[in-house]
PDB file of N, CA and C in Angstrom:
ATOM      1  N   MET A   1       0.917  -1.401  -0.493  1.00  0.00           N
ATOM      2  CA  MET A   1      -0.084  -0.257   0.269  1.00  0.00           C
ATOM      3  C   MET A   1       0.764   1.336  -0.089  1.00  0.00           C
ATOM      4  N   GLY A   2       0.792   2.445  -0.600  1.00  0.00           N
ATOM      5  CA  GLY A   2       1.613   3.692  -0.977  1.00  0.00           C
ATOM      6  C   GLY A   2       2.344   3.824  -2.052  1.00  0.00           C
ATOM      7  N   LEU A   3       2.429   4.460  -1.910  1.00  0.00           N
ATOM      8  CA  LEU A   3       4.108   5.123  -3.181  1.00  0.00           C
ATOM      9  C   LEU A   3       5.617   5.047  -2.759  1.00  0.00           C
ATOM     10  N   PHE A   4       6.158   5.387  -3.645  1.00  0.00           N
ATOM     11  CA  PHE A   4       7.493   6.285  -3.093  1.00  0.00           C
ATOM     12  C   PHE A   4       7.211   7.235  -4.287  1.00  0.00           C
ATOM     13  N   VAL A   5       7.510   8.595  -3.663  1.00  0.00           N
ATOM     14  CA  VAL A   5       7.152   9.952  -4.069  1.00  0.00           C
ATOM     15  C   VAL A   5       8.270  10.387  -4.368  1.00  0.00           C
ATOM     16  N   PHE A   6       8.651  10.792  -5.141  1.00  0.00           N
ATOM     17  CA  PHE A   6       9.881  12.429  -5.430  1.00  0.00           C
ATOM     18  C   PHE A   6       8.912  12.876  -6.355  1.00  0.00           C
ATOM     19  N   THR A   7       8.701  14.066  -5.799  1.00  0.00           N
ATOM     20  CA  THR A   7       8.656  15.421  -6.225  1.00  0.00           C
ATOM     21  C   THR A   7       9.757  16.355  -6.806  1.00  0.00           C
ATOM     22  N   LEU A   8       8.943  16.278  -8.034  1.00  0.00           N
ATOM     23  CA  LEU A   8      10.496  17.638  -8.779  1.00  0.00           C
ATOM     24  C   LEU A   8      10.171  19.163  -9.008  1.00  0.00           C
ATOM     25  N   ARG A   9       8.867  19.159  -8.849  1.00  0.00           N
ATOM     26  CA  ARG A   9       8.057  20.673  -8.637  1.00  0.00           C
ATOM     27  C   ARG A   9       7.003  20.494  -8.772  1.00  0.00           C
ATOM     28  N   ASN A  10       6.445  21.616  -7.685  1.00  0.00           N
ATOM     29  CA  ASN A  10       5.332  21.267  -7.144  1.00  0.00           C
ATOM     30  C   ASN A  10       4.686  22.926  -6.630  1.00  0.00           C
ATOM     31  N   GLY A  11       3.849  23.453  -7.710  1.00  0.00           N
ATOM     32  CA  GLY A  11       3.357  24.837  -7.462  1.00  0.00           C
ATOM     33  C   GLY A  11       2.263  24.746  -6.538  1.00  0.00           C
ATOM     34  N   ARG A  12       2.247  26.517  -6.157  1.00  0.00           N
ATOM     35  CA  ARG A  12       2.153  26.973  -4.922  1.00  0.00           C
ATOM     36  C   ARG A  12       0.159  27.268  -4.724  1.00  0.00           C
ATOM     37  N   LEU A  13      -1.027  26.767  -4.049  1.00  0.00           N
ATOM     38  CA  LEU A  13      -1.906  27.170  -4.556  1.00  0.00           C
ATOM     39  C   LEU A  13      -1.982  28.901  -4.044  1.00  0.00           C
ATOM     40  N   THR A  14      -1.207  29.044  -3.296  1.00  0.00           N
ATOM     41  CA  THR A  14      -1.268  30.577  -2.265  1.00  0.00           C
ATOM     42  C   THR A  14      -0.928  31.923  -4.018  1.00  0.00           C
ATOM     43  N   ASP A  15      -0.372  31.087  -4.805  1.00  0.00           N
ATOM     44  CA  ASP A  15      -0.214  31.373  -5.772  1.00  0.00           C
ATOM     45  C   ASP A  15      -1.294  31.631  -7.374  1.00  0.00           C
ATOM     46  N   LEU A  16      -1.403  30.644  -7.164  1.00  0.00           N
ATOM     47  CA  LEU A  16      -2.911  30.835  -7.749  1.00  0.00           C
ATOM     48  C   LEU A  16      -3.950  31.711  -7.323  1.00  0.00           C
ATOM     49  N   ARG A  17      -4.387  31.360  -6.481  1.00  0.00           N
ATOM     50  CA  ARG A  17      -5.673  32.114  -5.318  1.00  0.00           C
ATOM     51  C   ARG A  17      -4.394  33.850  -5.603  1.00  0.00           C
ATOM     52  N   GLN A  18      -3.297  34.257  -5.861  1.00  0.00           N
ATOM     53  CA  GLN A  18      -3.214  35.653  -5.942  1.00  0.00           C
ATOM     54  C   GLN A  18      -3.172  36.340  -7.317  1.00  0.00           C
ATOM     55  N   GLY A  19      -3.545  35.308  -8.045  1.00  0.00           N
ATOM     56  CA  GLY A  19      -3.373  35.690  -9.779  1.00  0.00           C
ATOM     57  C   GLY A  19      -2.282  34.873 -10.388  1.00  0.00           C
ATOM     58  N   PHE A  20      -1.296  34.664 -10.059  1.00  0.00           N
ATOM     59  CA  PHE A  20      -0.817  33.737 -11.170  1.00  0.00           C
ATOM     60  C   PHE A  20       0.264  32.498 -10.309  1.00  0.00           C
ATOM     61  N   GLY A  21       0.816  32.076 -11.303  1.00  0.00           N
ATOM     62  CA  GLY A  21       1.674  30.743 -11.329  1.00  0.00           C
ATOM     63  C   GLY A  21       0.940  29.547 -11.454  1.00  0.00           C
ATOM     64  N   MET A  22       0.972  28.754 -11.277  1.00  0.00           N
ATOM     65  CA  MET A  22      -0.197  27.777 -11.813  1.00  0.00           C
ATOM     66  C   MET A  22       0.127  26.170 -10.680  1.00  0.00           C
ATOM     67  N   CYS A  23      -0.906  25.572  -9.861  1.00  0.00           N
ATOM     68  CA  CYS A  23      -0.926  24.736  -9.438  1.00  0.00           C
ATOM     69  C   CYS A  23      -0.798  23.038 -10.006  1.00  0.00           C
ATOM     70  N   TYR A  24       0.547  22.880 -10.028  1.00  0.00           N
ATOM     71  CA  TYR A  24       0.996  21.869 -11.103  1.00  0.00           C
ATOM     72  C   TYR A  24       2.311  21.144 -10.457  1.00  0.00           C
ATOM     73  N   ALA A  25       1.991  19.865 -10.269  1.00  0.00           N
ATOM     74  CA  ALA A  25       2.939  18.989  -9.423  1.00  0.00           C
ATOM     75  C   ALA A  25       3.704  17.795 -11.287  1.00  0.00           C
ATOM     76  N   GLU A  26       5.103  18.216 -10.904  1.00  0.00           N
ATOM     77  CA  GLU A  26       5.326  17.102 -11.725  1.00  0.00           C
ATOM     78  C   GLU A  26       6.696  15.548 -10.729  1.00  0.00           C
ATOM     79  N   LYS A  27       6.117  14.561 -10.555  1.00  0.00           N
ATOM     80  CA  LYS A  27       6.411  13.420  -9.628  1.00  0.00           C
ATOM     81  C   LYS A  27       6.990  12.522 -10.072  1.00  0.00           C
ATOM     82  N   ILE A  28       8.229  11.475  -9.371  1.00  0.00           N
ATOM     83  CA  ILE A  28       8.000  10.382 -10.266  1.00  0.00           C
ATOM     84  C   ILE A  28       7.676   9.304  -8.877  1.00  0.00           C
ATOM     85  N   MET A  29       6.927   8.559  -9.536  1.00  0.00           N
ATOM     86  CA  MET A  29       5.570   7.870  -8.505  1.00  0.00           C
ATOM     87  C   MET A  29       6.001   5.850  -8.611  1.00  0.00           C
ATOM     88  N   ILE A  30       7.371   5.478  -7.473  1.00  0.00           N
ATOM     89  CA  ILE A  30       7.399   4.195  -8.054  1.00  0.00           C
ATOM     90  C   ILE A  30       6.648   3.768  -7.244  1.00  0.00           C
ATOM     91  N   SER A  31       6.230   2.116  -7.272  1.00  0.00           N
ATOM     92  CA  SER A  31       5.223   1.211  -7.193  1.00  0.00           C
ATOM     93  C   SER A  31       6.036   0.256  -7.119  1.00  0.00           C
ATOM     94  N   ARG A  32       5.565  -1.151  -6.503  1.00  0.00           N
ATOM     95  CA  ARG A  32       5.822  -2.072  -7.193  1.00  0.00           C
ATOM     96  C   ARG A  32       4.706  -2.964  -7.964  1.00  0.00           C
ATOM     97  N   ARG A  33       4.554  -4.427  -8.209  1.00  0.00           N
ATOM     98  CA  ARG A  33       3.267  -5.089  -9.561  1.00  0.00           C
ATOM     99  C   ARG A  33       2.535  -5.402  -8.059  1.00  0.00           C
ATOM    100  N   ASP A  34       1.366  -5.077  -8.053  1.00  0.00           N
ATOM    101  CA  ASP A  34       0.107  -5.346  -7.709  1.00  0.00           C
ATOM    102  C   ASP A  34      -0.210  -3.956  -6.503  1.00  0.00           C
ATOM    103  N   GLN A  35       0.578  -3.269  -6.715  1.00  0.00           N
ATOM    104  CA  GLN A  35       0.652  -2.344  -5.266  1.00  0.00           C
ATOM    105  C   GLN A  35      -0.507  -1.090  -5.808  1.00  0.00           C
ATOM    106  N   LEU A  36      -0.822  -1.162  -4.536  1.00  0.00           N
ATOM    107  CA  LEU A  36      -2.315   0.072  -4.432  1.00  0.00           C
ATOM    108  C   LEU A  36      -1.409   1.385  -3.889  1.00  0.00           C
ATOM    109  N   SER A  37      -2.083   2.188  -4.376  1.00  0.00           N
ATOM    110  CA  SER A  37      -1.915   4.018  -3.622  1.00  0.00           C
ATOM    111  C   SER A  37      -3.039   4.031  -3.059  1.00  0.00           C
ATOM    112  N   PRO A  38      -3.737   4.964  -1.595  1.00  0.00           N
ATOM    113  CA  PRO A  38      -4.414   5.369  -0.878  1.00  0.00           C
ATOM    114  C   PRO A  38      -5.522   6.152  -1.923  1.00  0.00           C
ATOM    115  N   MET A  39      -6.279   6.385  -1.889  1.00  0.00           N
ATOM    116  CA  MET A  39      -7.412   7.672  -2.550  1.00  0.00           C
ATOM    117  C   MET A  39      -6.446   8.890  -2.233  1.00  0.00           C
ATOM    118  N   HIS A  40      -6.464   9.895  -2.905  1.00  0.00           N
ATOM    119  CA  HIS A  40      -6.543  11.361  -2.266  1.00  0.00           C
ATOM    120  C   HIS A  40      -7.479  12.242  -3.394  1.00  0.00           C
ATOM    121  N   ARG A  41      -7.137  13.740  -2.963  1.00  0.00           N
ATOM    122  CA  ARG A  41      -8.338  14.426  -3.824  1.00  0.00           C
ATOM    123  C   ARG A  41      -6.988  16.011  -4.005  1.00  0.00           C
ATOM    124  N   HIS A  42      -7.370  17.074  -5.284  1.00  0.00           N
ATOM    125  CA  HIS A  42      -6.498  17.921  -4.827  1.00  0.00           C
ATOM    126  C   HIS A  42      -8.026  18.678  -4.996  1.00  0.00           C
ATOM    127  N   ILE A  43      -8.533  19.899  -4.767  1.00  0.00           N
ATOM    128  CA  ILE A  43      -9.389  20.787  -5.407  1.00  0.00           C
ATOM    129  C   ILE A  43      -9.072  21.547  -6.477  1.00  0.00           C
ATOM    130  N   VAL A  44      -8.101  21.982  -6.654  1.00  0.00           N
ATOM    131  CA  VAL A  44      -7.159  22.416  -8.243  1.00  0.00           C
ATOM    132  C   VAL A  44      -5.807  22.509  -7.701  1.00  0.00           C
ATOM    133  N   LYS A  45      -5.782  21.269  -9.167  1.00  0.00           N
ATOM    134  CA  LYS A  45      -4.358  20.347  -9.506  1.00  0.00           C
ATOM    135  C   LYS A  45      -4.282  20.063 -10.910  1.00  0.00           C
ATOM    136  N   ALA A  46      -3.281  20.900 -11.528  1.00  0.00           N
ATOM    137  CA  ALA A  46      -3.116  19.960 -12.586  1.00  0.00           C
ATOM    138  C   ALA A  46      -1.992  19.202 -12.441  1.00  0.00           C
ATOM    139  N   GLU A  47      -1.536  17.912 -12.923  1.00  0.00           N
ATOM    140  CA  GLU A  47      -0.642  16.887 -12.944  1.00  0.00           C
ATOM    141  C   GLU A  47      -0.818  16.181 -14.350  1.00  0.00           C
ATOM    142  N   ASP A  48       0.394  15.698 -14.392  1.00  0.00           N
ATOM    143  CA  ASP A  48       0.598  15.074 -15.690  1.00  0.00           C
ATOM    144  C   ASP A  48       0.918  13.865 -15.704  1.00  0.00           C
ATOM    145  N   ILE A  49       0.804  12.560 -15.837  1.00  0.00           N
ATOM    146  CA  ILE A  49       0.590  11.289 -15.372  1.00  0.00           C
ATOM    147  C   ILE A  49       1.742  10.130 -16.118  1.00  0.00           C
ATOM    148  N   ILE A  50       2.636  10.560 -16.448  1.00  0.00           N
ATOM    149  CA  ILE A  50       3.206   9.450 -17.541  1.00  0.00           C
ATOM    150  C   ILE A  50       3.595   7.901 -16.892  1.00  0.00           C
ATOM    151  N   ASN A  51       3.002   6.691 -17.523  1.00  0.00           N
ATOM    152  CA  ASN A  51       3.575   5.728 -17.455  1.00  0.00           C
ATOM    153  C   ASN A  51       4.751   4.957 -18.208  1.00  0.00           C
ATOM    154  N   ARG A  52       6.086   4.911 -17.472  1.00  0.00           N
ATOM    155  CA  ARG A  52       7.161   4.612 -18.199  1.00  0.00           C
ATOM    156  C   ARG A  52       7.692   3.186 -17.810  1.00  0.00           C
ATOM    157  N   GLY A  53       6.889   2.379 -16.798  1.00  0.00           N
ATOM    158  CA  GLY A  53       7.656   1.538 -16.367  1.00  0.00           C
ATOM    159  C   GLY A  53       6.945  -0.320 -17.480  1.00  0.00           C
ATOM    160  N   GLY A  54       6.073   0.457 -18.667  1.00  0.00           N
ATOM    161  CA  GLY A  54       5.606  -1.127 -19.142  1.00  0.00           C
ATOM    162  C   GLY A  54       4.649  -1.571 -18.549  1.00  0.00           C
ATOM    163  N   ALA A  55       4.126  -1.031 -17.016  1.00  0.00           N
ATOM    164  CA  ALA A  55       2.592  -2.292 -16.618  1.00  0.00           C
ATOM    165  C   ALA A  55       1.578  -1.158 -16.778  1.00  0.00           C
ATOM    166  N   THR A  56       0.659  -1.847 -17.135  1.00  0.00           N
ATOM    167  CA  THR A  56      -0.916  -0.826 -17.228  1.00  0.00           C
ATOM    168  C   THR A  56      -0.720  -0.585 -15.818  1.00  0.00           C
ATOM    169  N   LEU A  57      -1.481   1.446 -16.442  1.00  0.00           N
ATOM    170  CA  LEU A  57      -1.521   1.745 -14.985  1.00  0.00           C
ATOM    171  C   LEU A  57      -3.323   2.118 -15.035  1.00  0.00           C
ATOM    172  N   VAL A  58      -3.503   1.417 -13.622  1.00  0.00           N
ATOM    173  CA  VAL A  58      -5.317   1.963 -13.563  1.00  0.00           C
ATOM    174  C   VAL A  58      -5.533   2.884 -12.554  1.00  0.00           C
ATOM    175  N   ILE A  59      -6.602   4.346 -13.301  1.00  0.00           N
ATOM    176  CA  ILE A  59      -6.614   5.257 -12.173  1.00  0.00           C
ATOM    177  C   ILE A  59      -8.450   5.180 -11.834  1.00  0.00           C
ATOM    178  N   GLU A  60      -8.500   5.563 -11.019  1.00  0.00           N
ATOM    179  CA  GLU A  60     -10.041   5.723 -10.482  1.00  0.00           C
ATOM    180  C   GLU A  60     -10.411   6.689  -9.956  1.00  0.00           C
ATOM    181  N   LEU A  61     -11.267   7.137 -11.539  1.00  0.00           N
ATOM    182  CA  LEU A  61     -11.717   8.697 -10.868  1.00  0.00           C
ATOM    183  C   LEU A  61     -12.942   8.418 -10.324  1.00  0.00           C
ATOM    184  N   TYR A  62     -13.434   9.861  -9.629  1.00  0.00           N
ATOM    185  CA  TYR A  62     -14.455   9.804  -9.130  1.00  0.00           C
ATOM    186  C   TYR A  62     -14.861  11.574  -8.927  1.00  0.00           C
ATOM    187  N   GLY A  63     -16.263  11.731  -8.971  1.00  0.00           N
ATOM    188  CA  GLY A  63     -16.653  13.140  -9.557  1.00  0.00           C
ATOM    189  C   GLY A  63     -16.561  13.915  -8.061  1.00  0.00           C
ATOM    190  N   SER A  64     -17.241  15.347  -7.317  1.00  0.00           N
ATOM    191  CA  SER A  64     -17.168  15.718  -5.814  1.00  0.00           C
ATOM    192  C   SER A  64     -18.216  16.085  -6.343  1.00  0.00           C
ATOM    193  N   ASP A  65     -18.885  16.898  -5.161  1.00  0.00           N
ATOM    194  CA  ASP A  65     -19.888  17.405  -5.059  1.00  0.00           C
ATOM    195  C   ASP A  65     -19.767  19.207  -4.831  1.00  0.00           C
ATOM    196  N   ASP A  66     -21.034  19.945  -4.945  1.00  0.00           N
ATOM    197  CA  ASP A  66     -20.928  21.437  -4.937  1.00  0.00           C
ATOM    198  C   ASP A  66     -19.934  21.874  -3.834  1.00  0.00           C
ATOM    199  N   LYS A  67     -19.464  21.222  -2.637  1.00  0.00           N
ATOM    200  CA  LYS A  67     -18.613  21.820  -1.870  1.00  0.00           C
ATOM    201  C   LYS A  67     -17.267  20.907  -2.139  1.00  0.00           C
ATOM    202  N   GLY A  68     -17.212  19.985  -3.084  1.00  0.00           N
ATOM    203  CA  GLY A  68     -16.042  19.724  -3.166  1.00  0.00           C
ATOM    204  C   GLY A  68     -15.378  17.773  -2.269  1.00  0.00           C
ATOM    205  N   SER A  69     -16.671  17.889  -1.921  1.00  0.00           N
ATOM    206  CA  SER A  69     -16.596  16.652  -0.967  1.00  0.00           C
ATOM    207  C   SER A  69     -16.900  14.988  -1.666  1.00  0.00           C
ATOM    208  N   PHE A  70     -16.290  14.239  -1.405  1.00  0.00           N
ATOM    209  CA  PHE A  70     -16.206  12.270  -2.806  1.00  0.00           C
ATOM    210  C   PHE A  70     -17.563  12.220  -2.363  1.00  0.00           C
ATOM    211  N   ALA A  71     -18.235  12.156  -3.999  1.00  0.00           N
ATOM    212  CA  ALA A  71     -19.746  11.924  -4.692  1.00  0.00           C
ATOM    213  C   ALA A  71     -18.616  10.809  -5.453  1.00  0.00           C
ATOM    214  N   GLY A  72     -19.154   9.399  -4.740  1.00  0.00           N
ATOM    215  CA  GLY A  72     -18.684   8.448  -5.927  1.00  0.00           C
ATOM    216  C   GLY A  72     -19.660   8.540  -7.362  1.00  0.00           C
ATOM    217  N   ALA A  73     -20.765   8.852  -6.977  1.00  0.00           N
ATOM    218  CA  ALA A  73     -22.050   8.250  -8.204  1.00  0.00           C
ATOM    219  C   ALA A  73     -21.460   9.714  -9.010  1.00  0.00           C
ATOM    220  N   LYS A  74     -20.931  10.816  -9.171  1.00  0.00           N
ATOM    221  CA  LYS A  74     -20.895  11.951  -9.548  1.00  0.00           C
ATOM    222  C   LYS A  74     -19.901  11.763 -10.914  1.00  0.00           C
ATOM    223  N   GLY A  75     -19.593  11.943 -12.093  1.00  0.00           N
ATOM    224  CA  GLY A  75     -18.263  12.212 -12.868  1.00  0.00           C
ATOM    225  C   GLY A  75     -17.948  13.216 -12.938  1.00  0.00           C
ATOM    226  N   GLY A  76     -17.371  13.644 -14.348  1.00  0.00           N
ATOM    227  CA  GLY A  76     -15.903  15.461 -14.125  1.00  0.00           C
ATOM    228  C   GLY A  76     -16.015  14.748 -15.920  1.00  0.00           C
ATOM    229  N   MET A  77     -14.733  15.570 -16.121  1.00  0.00           N
ATOM    230  CA  MET A  77     -14.604  15.787 -17.307  1.00  0.00           C
ATOM    231  C   MET A  77     -12.550  15.439 -16.830  1.00  0.00           C
ATOM    232  N   VAL A  78     -11.743  14.858 -17.412  1.00  0.00           N
ATOM    233  CA  VAL A  78     -10.376  14.785 -17.503  1.00  0.00           C
ATOM    234  C   VAL A  78      -9.523  14.663 -18.781  1.00  0.00           C
ATOM    235  N   ARG A  79      -9.052  15.885 -19.230  1.00  0.00           N
ATOM    236  CA  ARG A  79      -7.563  15.027 -20.203  1.00  0.00           C
ATOM    237  C   ARG A  79      -6.912  14.452 -20.566  1.00  0.00           C
ATOM    238  N   CYS A  80      -7.102  13.570 -21.252  1.00  0.00           N
ATOM    239  CA  CYS A  80      -6.274  12.364 -21.421  1.00  0.00           C
ATOM    240  C   CYS A  80      -5.477  12.554 -22.914  1.00  0.00           C
ATOM    241  N   ASP A  81      -4.269  12.629 -23.512  1.00  0.00           N
ATOM    242  CA  ASP A  81      -3.662  13.234 -24.331  1.00  0.00           C
ATOM    243  C   ASP A  81      -3.946  14.124 -24.875  1.00  0.00           C
ATOM    244  N   GLY A  82      -4.286  14.877 -24.547  1.00  0.00           N
ATOM    245  CA  GLY A  82      -5.517  16.384 -25.163  1.00  0.00           C
ATOM    246  C   GLY A  82      -6.569  16.751 -25.321  1.00  0.00           C
ATOM    247  N   ILE A  83      -7.401  15.472 -24.735  1.00  0.00           N
ATOM    248  CA  ILE A  83      -8.540  15.284 -25.801  1.00  0.00           C
ATOM    249  C   ILE A  83      -9.611  15.231 -23.726  1.00  0.00           C
ATOM    250  N   ASP A  84     -10.205  15.698 -24.029  1.00  0.00           N
ATOM    251  CA  ASP A  84     -11.438  15.966 -22.576  1.00  0.00           C
ATOM    252  C   ASP A  84     -11.888  15.034 -23.096  1.00  0.00           C
ATOM    253  N   THR A  85     -12.229  14.183 -21.739  1.00  0.00           N
ATOM    254  CA  THR A  85     -12.555  12.934 -21.780  1.00  0.00           C
ATOM    255  C   THR A  85     -13.732  13.083 -20.626  1.00  0.00           C
ATOM    256  N   PRO A  86     -15.080  12.099 -20.450  1.00  0.00           N
ATOM    257  CA  PRO A  86     -15.834  12.615 -19.867  1.00  0.00           C
ATOM    258  C   PRO A  86     -15.932  11.326 -18.985  1.00  0.00           C
ATOM    259  N   TYR A  87     -15.947  11.007 -17.684  1.00  0.00           N
ATOM    260  CA  TYR A  87     -15.693  10.107 -16.616  1.00  0.00           C
ATOM    261  C   TYR A  87     -16.718  10.031 -15.642  1.00  0.00           C
ATOM    262  N   GLY A  88     -17.067   8.882 -15.318  1.00  0.00           N
ATOM    263  CA  GLY A  88     -18.496   8.412 -14.570  1.00  0.00           C
ATOM    264  C   GLY A  88     -17.714   7.217 -13.630  1.00  0.00           C
ATOM    265  N   LEU A  89     -18.358   6.505 -13.405  1.00  0.00           N
ATOM    266  CA  LEU A  89     -17.938   4.921 -12.680  1.00  0.00           C
ATOM    267  C   LEU A  89     -16.950   3.945 -13.693  1.00  0.00           C
ATOM    268  N   SER A  90     -16.169   4.786 -14.283  1.00  0.00           N
ATOM    269  CA  SER A  90     -15.435   4.014 -15.014  1.00  0.00           C
ATOM    270  C   SER A  90     -13.636   4.170 -14.400  1.00  0.00           C
ATOM    271  N   LEU A  91     -12.989   3.345 -15.043  1.00  0.00           N
ATOM    272  CA  LEU A  91     -11.405   2.879 -15.132  1.00  0.00           C
ATOM    273  C   LEU A  91     -10.979   3.928 -15.862  1.00  0.00           C
ATOM    274  N   ILE A  92      -9.607   5.001 -15.630  1.00  0.00           N
ATOM    275  CA  ILE A  92      -9.016   5.412 -16.971  1.00  0.00           C
ATOM    276  C   ILE A  92      -7.523   4.260 -16.920  1.00  0.00           C
ATOM    277  N   HIS A  93      -7.402   3.811 -17.717  1.00  0.00           N
ATOM    278  CA  HIS A  93      -6.254   2.414 -18.329  1.00  0.00           C
ATOM    279  C   HIS A  93      -5.023   3.495 -18.422  1.00  0.00           C
ATOM    280  N   ILE A  94      -3.654   3.218 -18.536  1.00  0.00           N
ATOM    281  CA  ILE A  94      -2.953   4.231 -19.384  1.00  0.00           C
ATOM    282  C   ILE A  94      -1.958   3.625 -19.260  1.00  0.00           C
TER     283      ILE A  94
END
């Protein structure tokens, strides 16, 4: 359970609130075969996820309600390979 994470770059939410910067992360994440990562969320964040290990990376995406709380039945929009893709109760395979 969990990941080894090495953060290369991480934008600051305070900069974004002041009208500049970007809340964006570049991270190297390492896991073993069949290892799971705990659920987490970002209210405002852009991340590029690049799978270089040769295996299939499965990401479960869930929506949020109007207050930003978890809403498992609500979908949203994700950009995958530059294409806006709606999601609901589905998995994204990278």
